[in-house]
Amino acid sequence: MQTTLDVRGMTCGHCESSVKGALEALNGITAVEVHLDTGKVDVAYDEAQVTIADMRQAVEDQGYDVVA
């Protein structure tokens, strides 16, 4: 599966690394691509192992907001 998260508050390379690292630490995430300029994060994942709610929580735990 693939989804795109709309993440608010990312402004720099550190932000990008924090979000990417938090998502990659979840079981079932196979790829993460952060687009700092648009605030979009493309995530490929195994829906049997991880949910979008899990992803949202991981990003929000880093201090960023996930929209919708």
PDB file of N, CA and C in Angstrom:
ATOM      1  N   MET A   1       0.845  -1.188   0.000  1.00  0.00           N
ATOM      2  CA  MET A   1       0.000   0.000   0.000  1.00  0.00           C
ATOM      3  C   MET A   1       0.880   1.237   0.000  1.00  0.00           C
ATOM      4  N   GLN A   2       0.272   2.327  -0.432  1.00  0.00           N
ATOM      5  CA  GLN A   2       0.965   3.615  -0.449  1.00  0.00           C
ATOM      6  C   GLN A   2       0.001   4.683   0.031  1.00  0.00           C
ATOM      7  N   THR A   3       0.533   5.636   0.811  1.00  0.00           N
ATOM      8  CA  THR A   3      -0.268   6.771   1.243  1.00  0.00           C
ATOM      9  C   THR A   3       0.605   8.008   1.258  1.00  0.00           C
ATOM     10  N   THR A   4      -0.035   9.170   1.272  1.00  0.00           N
ATOM     11  CA  THR A   4       0.678  10.433   1.395  1.00  0.00           C
ATOM     12  C   THR A   4       0.127  11.161   2.612  1.00  0.00           C
ATOM     13  N   LEU A   5       1.028  11.487   3.524  1.00  0.00           N
ATOM     14  CA  LEU A   5       0.657  12.245   4.714  1.00  0.00           C
ATOM     15  C   LEU A   5       0.938  13.715   4.466  1.00  0.00           C
ATOM     16  N   ASP A   6       0.061  14.583   4.945  1.00  0.00           N
ATOM     17  CA  ASP A   6       0.248  16.027   4.855  1.00  0.00           C
ATOM     18  C   ASP A   6       0.729  16.488   6.225  1.00  0.00           C
ATOM     19  N   VAL A   7       2.014  16.815   6.317  1.00  0.00           N
ATOM     20  CA  VAL A   7       2.641  17.124   7.599  1.00  0.00           C
ATOM     21  C   VAL A   7       2.941  18.615   7.685  1.00  0.00           C
ATOM     22  N   ARG A   8       2.475  19.248   8.745  1.00  0.00           N
ATOM     23  CA  ARG A   8       2.700  20.686   8.971  1.00  0.00           C
ATOM     24  C   ARG A   8       3.831  20.881   9.980  1.00  0.00           C
ATOM     25  N   GLY A   9       4.642  21.874   9.727  1.00  0.00           N
ATOM     26  CA  GLY A   9       5.682  22.250  10.681  1.00  0.00           C
ATOM     27  C   GLY A   9       7.088  21.844  10.296  1.00  0.00           C
ATOM     28  N   MET A  10       7.246  21.144   9.185  1.00  0.00           N
ATOM     29  CA  MET A  10       8.591  20.765   8.740  1.00  0.00           C
ATOM     30  C   MET A  10       9.212  21.940   8.005  1.00  0.00           C
ATOM     31  N   THR A  11      10.402  22.354   8.459  1.00  0.00           N
ATOM     32  CA  THR A  11      11.035  23.517   7.840  1.00  0.00           C
ATOM     33  C   THR A  11      12.488  23.304   7.441  1.00  0.00           C
ATOM     34  N   CYS A  12      13.095  22.190   7.869  1.00  0.00           N
ATOM     35  CA  CYS A  12      14.530  22.031   7.622  1.00  0.00           C
ATOM     36  C   CYS A  12      14.916  20.565   7.479  1.00  0.00           C
ATOM     37  N   GLY A  13      16.176  20.340   7.234  1.00  0.00           N
ATOM     38  CA  GLY A  13      16.685  18.986   7.082  1.00  0.00           C
ATOM     39  C   GLY A  13      16.514  18.152   8.345  1.00  0.00           C
ATOM     40  N   HIS A  14      16.654  18.783   9.498  1.00  0.00           N
ATOM     41  CA  HIS A  14      16.448  18.047  10.746  1.00  0.00           C
ATOM     42  C   HIS A  14      15.007  17.562  10.852  1.00  0.00           C
ATOM     43  N   CYS A  15      14.070  18.424  10.467  1.00  0.00           N
ATOM     44  CA  CYS A  15      12.647  18.044  10.474  1.00  0.00           C
ATOM     45  C   CYS A  15      12.432  16.831   9.574  1.00  0.00           C
ATOM     46  N   GLU A  16      13.006  16.902   8.409  1.00  0.00           N
ATOM     47  CA  GLU A  16      12.885  15.805   7.443  1.00  0.00           C
ATOM     48  C   GLU A  16      13.431  14.511   8.034  1.00  0.00           C
ATOM     49  N   SER A  17      14.595  14.579   8.663  1.00  0.00           N
ATOM     50  CA  SER A  17      15.214  13.393   9.262  1.00  0.00           C
ATOM     51  C   SER A  17      14.371  12.845  10.408  1.00  0.00           C
ATOM     52  N   SER A  18      13.805  13.734  11.223  1.00  0.00           N
ATOM     53  CA  SER A  18      12.985  13.301  12.359  1.00  0.00           C
ATOM     54  C   SER A  18      11.750  12.543  11.893  1.00  0.00           C
ATOM     55  N   VAL A  19      11.066  13.099  10.905  1.00  0.00           N
ATOM     56  CA  VAL A  19       9.847  12.470  10.396  1.00  0.00           C
ATOM     57  C   VAL A  19      10.180  11.146   9.715  1.00  0.00           C
ATOM     58  N   LYS A  20      11.199  11.166   8.883  1.00  0.00           N
ATOM     59  CA  LYS A  20      11.579   9.951   8.169  1.00  0.00           C
ATOM     60  C   LYS A  20      12.002   8.857   9.139  1.00  0.00           C
ATOM     61  N   GLY A  21      12.811   9.209  10.123  1.00  0.00           N
ATOM     62  CA  GLY A  21      13.281   8.239  11.097  1.00  0.00           C
ATOM     63  C   GLY A  21      12.151   7.644  11.928  1.00  0.00           C
ATOM     64  N   ALA A  22      11.205   8.494  12.329  1.00  0.00           N
ATOM     65  CA  ALA A  22      10.077   8.024  13.137  1.00  0.00           C
ATOM     66  C   ALA A  22       9.229   7.026  12.351  1.00  0.00           C
ATOM     67  N   LEU A  23       9.011   7.320  11.081  1.00  0.00           N
ATOM     68  CA  LEU A  23       8.214   6.411  10.256  1.00  0.00           C
ATOM     69  C   LEU A  23       8.964   5.125   9.949  1.00  0.00           C
ATOM     70  N   GLU A  24      10.239   5.235   9.617  1.00  0.00           N
ATOM     71  CA  GLU A  24      11.020   4.035   9.287  1.00  0.00           C
ATOM     72  C   GLU A  24      11.180   3.106  10.487  1.00  0.00           C
ATOM     73  N   ALA A  25      11.029   3.626  11.694  1.00  0.00           N
ATOM     74  CA  ALA A  25      11.155   2.800  12.898  1.00  0.00           C
ATOM     75  C   ALA A  25       9.938   1.895  13.105  1.00  0.00           C
ATOM     76  N   LEU A  26       8.846   2.189  12.408  1.00  0.00           N
ATOM     77  CA  LEU A  26       7.633   1.376  12.543  1.00  0.00           C
ATOM     78  C   LEU A  26       7.754   0.092  11.729  1.00  0.00           C
ATOM     79  N   ASN A  27       7.329  -1.014  12.310  1.00  0.00           N
ATOM     80  CA  ASN A  27       7.296  -2.276  11.570  1.00  0.00           C
ATOM     81  C   ASN A  27       6.283  -2.162  10.433  1.00  0.00           C
ATOM     82  N   GLY A  28       6.666  -2.624   9.269  1.00  0.00           N
ATOM     83  CA  GLY A  28       5.755  -2.611   8.129  1.00  0.00           C
ATOM     84  C   GLY A  28       5.966  -1.461   7.167  1.00  0.00           C
ATOM     85  N   ILE A  29       6.808  -0.495   7.521  1.00  0.00           N
ATOM     86  CA  ILE A  29       7.108   0.618   6.613  1.00  0.00           C
ATOM     87  C   ILE A  29       8.210   0.155   5.668  1.00  0.00           C
ATOM     88  N   THR A  30       7.961   0.269   4.362  1.00  0.00           N
ATOM     89  CA  THR A  30       8.951  -0.197   3.393  1.00  0.00           C
ATOM     90  C   THR A  30       9.696   0.934   2.698  1.00  0.00           C
ATOM     91  N   ALA A  31       9.106   2.138   2.664  1.00  0.00           N
ATOM     92  CA  ALA A  31       9.785   3.288   2.051  1.00  0.00           C
ATOM     93  C   ALA A  31       9.145   4.578   2.541  1.00  0.00           C
ATOM     94  N   VAL A  32       9.984   5.609   2.710  1.00  0.00           N
ATOM     95  CA  VAL A  32       9.506   6.930   3.119  1.00  0.00           C
ATOM     96  C   VAL A  32      10.211   7.963   2.262  1.00  0.00           C
ATOM     97  N   GLU A  33       9.442   8.865   1.682  1.00  0.00           N
ATOM     98  CA  GLU A  33      10.019   9.973   0.920  1.00  0.00           C
ATOM     99  C   GLU A  33       9.375  11.268   1.406  1.00  0.00           C
ATOM    100  N   VAL A  34      10.214  12.150   1.968  1.00  0.00           N
ATOM    101  CA  VAL A  34       9.738  13.418   2.518  1.00  0.00           C
ATOM    102  C   VAL A  34       9.959  14.517   1.489  1.00  0.00           C
ATOM    103  N   HIS A  35       8.912  15.302   1.238  1.00  0.00           N
ATOM    104  CA  HIS A  35       9.000  16.446   0.330  1.00  0.00           C
ATOM    105  C   HIS A  35       8.870  17.699   1.186  1.00  0.00           C
ATOM    106  N   LEU A  36      10.012  18.228   1.601  1.00  0.00           N
ATOM    107  CA  LEU A  36      10.044  19.354   2.524  1.00  0.00           C
ATOM    108  C   LEU A  36       9.331  20.581   1.967  1.00  0.00           C
ATOM    109  N   ASP A  37       9.460  20.812   0.663  1.00  0.00           N
ATOM    110  CA  ASP A  37       8.870  22.006   0.052  1.00  0.00           C
ATOM    111  C   ASP A  37       7.347  22.000   0.065  1.00  0.00           C
ATOM    112  N   THR A  38       6.727  20.828   0.037  1.00  0.00           N
ATOM    113  CA  THR A  38       5.262  20.749   0.014  1.00  0.00           C
ATOM    114  C   THR A  38       4.667  20.256   1.332  1.00  0.00           C
ATOM    115  N   GLY A  39       5.503  19.700   2.198  1.00  0.00           N
ATOM    116  CA  GLY A  39       5.002  19.140   3.448  1.00  0.00           C
ATOM    117  C   GLY A  39       4.372  17.772   3.276  1.00  0.00           C
ATOM    118  N   LYS A  40       4.574  17.169   2.121  1.00  0.00           N
ATOM    119  CA  LYS A  40       4.002  15.846   1.858  1.00  0.00           C
ATOM    120  C   LYS A  40       5.033  14.766   2.165  1.00  0.00           C
ATOM    121  N   VAL A  41       4.529  13.664   2.703  1.00  0.00           N
ATOM    122  CA  VAL A  41       5.388  12.518   2.990  1.00  0.00           C
ATOM    123  C   VAL A  41       4.744  11.286   2.359  1.00  0.00           C
ATOM    124  N   ASP A  42       5.429  10.711   1.385  1.00  0.00           N
ATOM    125  CA  ASP A  42       4.949   9.500   0.725  1.00  0.00           C
ATOM    126  C   ASP A  42       5.456   8.299   1.505  1.00  0.00           C
ATOM    127  N   VAL A  43       4.539   7.395   1.832  1.00  0.00           N
ATOM    128  CA  VAL A  43       4.896   6.229   2.639  1.00  0.00           C
ATOM    129  C   VAL A  43       4.383   4.965   1.957  1.00  0.00           C
ATOM    130  N   ALA A  44       5.273   4.008   1.776  1.00  0.00           N
ATOM    131  CA  ALA A  44       4.883   2.678   1.299  1.00  0.00           C
ATOM    132  C   ALA A  44       4.910   1.761   2.513  1.00  0.00           C
ATOM    133  N   TYR A  45       3.861   0.950   2.660  1.00  0.00           N
ATOM    134  CA  TYR A  45       3.754   0.153   3.880  1.00  0.00           C
ATOM    135  C   TYR A  45       2.948  -1.121   3.659  1.00  0.00           C
ATOM    136  N   ASP A  46       3.090  -2.019   4.627  1.00  0.00           N
ATOM    137  CA  ASP A  46       2.330  -3.268   4.644  1.00  0.00           C
ATOM    138  C   ASP A  46       1.159  -3.057   5.600  1.00  0.00           C
ATOM    139  N   GLU A  47      -0.046  -2.992   5.059  1.00  0.00           N
ATOM    140  CA  GLU A  47      -1.215  -2.682   5.880  1.00  0.00           C
ATOM    141  C   GLU A  47      -1.527  -3.769   6.906  1.00  0.00           C
ATOM    142  N   ALA A  48      -0.923  -4.937   6.779  1.00  0.00           N
ATOM    143  CA  ALA A  48      -1.113  -6.000   7.769  1.00  0.00           C
ATOM    144  C   ALA A  48      -0.275  -5.739   9.029  1.00  0.00           C
ATOM    145  N   GLN A  49       0.711  -4.833   8.914  1.00  0.00           N
ATOM    146  CA  GLN A  49       1.623  -4.584  10.036  1.00  0.00           C
ATOM    147  C   GLN A  49       1.494  -3.194  10.648  1.00  0.00           C
ATOM    148  N   VAL A  50       1.035  -2.227   9.891  1.00  0.00           N
ATOM    149  CA  VAL A  50       1.007  -0.845  10.391  1.00  0.00           C
ATOM    150  C   VAL A  50      -0.201  -0.114   9.813  1.00  0.00           C
ATOM    151  N   THR A  51      -0.772   0.791  10.605  1.00  0.00           N
ATOM    152  CA  THR A  51      -1.927   1.559  10.155  1.00  0.00           C
ATOM    153  C   THR A  51      -1.545   3.024   9.938  1.00  0.00           C
ATOM    154  N   ILE A  52      -2.409   3.726   9.251  1.00  0.00           N
ATOM    155  CA  ILE A  52      -2.189   5.160   9.063  1.00  0.00           C
ATOM    156  C   ILE A  52      -2.230   5.869  10.412  1.00  0.00           C
ATOM    157  N   ALA A  53      -3.059   5.396  11.323  1.00  0.00           N
ATOM    158  CA  ALA A  53      -3.108   5.976  12.673  1.00  0.00           C
ATOM    159  C   ALA A  53      -1.758   5.813  13.375  1.00  0.00           C
ATOM    160  N   ASP A  54      -1.100   4.669  13.179  1.00  0.00           N
ATOM    161  CA  ASP A  54       0.237   4.463  13.755  1.00  0.00           C
ATOM    162  C   ASP A  54       1.226   5.474  13.188  1.00  0.00           C
ATOM    163  N   MET A  55       1.147   5.686  11.878  1.00  0.00           N
ATOM    164  CA  MET A  55       2.046   6.641  11.219  1.00  0.00           C
ATOM    165  C   MET A  55       1.800   8.047  11.742  1.00  0.00           C
ATOM    166  N   ARG A  56       0.526   8.417  11.828  1.00  0.00           N
ATOM    167  CA  ARG A  56       0.157   9.745  12.324  1.00  0.00           C
ATOM    168  C   ARG A  56       0.727   9.953  13.734  1.00  0.00           C
ATOM    169  N   GLN A  57       0.567   8.951  14.594  1.00  0.00           N
ATOM    170  CA  GLN A  57       1.047   9.064  15.969  1.00  0.00           C
ATOM    171  C   GLN A  57       2.566   9.213  16.009  1.00  0.00           C
ATOM    172  N   ALA A  58       3.271   8.445  15.188  1.00  0.00           N
ATOM    173  CA  ALA A  58       4.735   8.514  15.161  1.00  0.00           C
ATOM    174  C   ALA A  58       5.209   9.906  14.756  1.00  0.00           C
ATOM    175  N   VAL A  59       4.546  10.508  13.763  1.00  0.00           N
ATOM    176  CA  VAL A  59       4.918  11.856  13.302  1.00  0.00           C
ATOM    177  C   VAL A  59       4.553  12.891  14.358  1.00  0.00           C
ATOM    178  N   GLU A  60       3.364  12.771  14.929  1.00  0.00           N
ATOM    179  CA  GLU A  60       2.931  13.730  15.951  1.00  0.00           C
ATOM    180  C   GLU A  60       3.799  13.640  17.200  1.00  0.00           C
ATOM    181  N   ASP A  61       4.313  12.455  17.513  1.00  0.00           N
ATOM    182  CA  ASP A  61       5.217  12.298  18.653  1.00  0.00           C
ATOM    183  C   ASP A  61       6.527  13.062  18.445  1.00  0.00           C
ATOM    184  N   GLN A  62       6.839  13.374  17.191  1.00  0.00           N
ATOM    185  CA  GLN A  62       8.046  14.161  16.879  1.00  0.00           C
ATOM    186  C   GLN A  62       7.764  15.665  16.939  1.00  0.00           C
ATOM    187  N   GLY A  63       6.504  16.043  17.156  1.00  0.00           N
ATOM    188  CA  GLY A  63       6.159  17.461  17.304  1.00  0.00           C
ATOM    189  C   GLY A  63       5.562  18.104  16.072  1.00  0.00           C
ATOM    190  N   TYR A  64       5.153  17.309  15.104  1.00  0.00           N
ATOM    191  CA  TYR A  64       4.571  17.837  13.872  1.00  0.00           C
ATOM    192  C   TYR A  64       3.086  17.496  13.815  1.00  0.00           C
ATOM    193  N   ASP A  65       2.338  18.232  13.033  1.00  0.00           N
ATOM    194  CA  ASP A  65       0.915  17.990  12.873  1.00  0.00           C
ATOM    195  C   ASP A  65       0.650  17.278  11.557  1.00  0.00           C
ATOM    196  N   VAL A  66      -0.187  16.253  11.603  1.00  0.00           N
ATOM    197  CA  VAL A  66      -0.618  15.555  10.395  1.00  0.00           C
ATOM    198  C   VAL A  66      -2.036  15.995  10.107  1.00  0.00           C
ATOM    199  N   VAL A  67      -2.269  16.536   8.917  1.00  0.00           N
ATOM    200  CA  VAL A  67      -3.573  17.054   8.525  1.00  0.00           C
ATOM    201  C   VAL A  67      -4.361  15.963   7.805  1.00  0.00           C
ATOM    202  N   ALA A  68      -5.641  15.826   8.193  1.00  0.00           N
ATOM    203  CA  ALA A  68      -6.560  14.845   7.593  1.00  0.00           C
ATOM    204  C   ALA A  68      -5.889  13.509   7.645  1.00  0.00           C
TER     205      ALA A  68
END
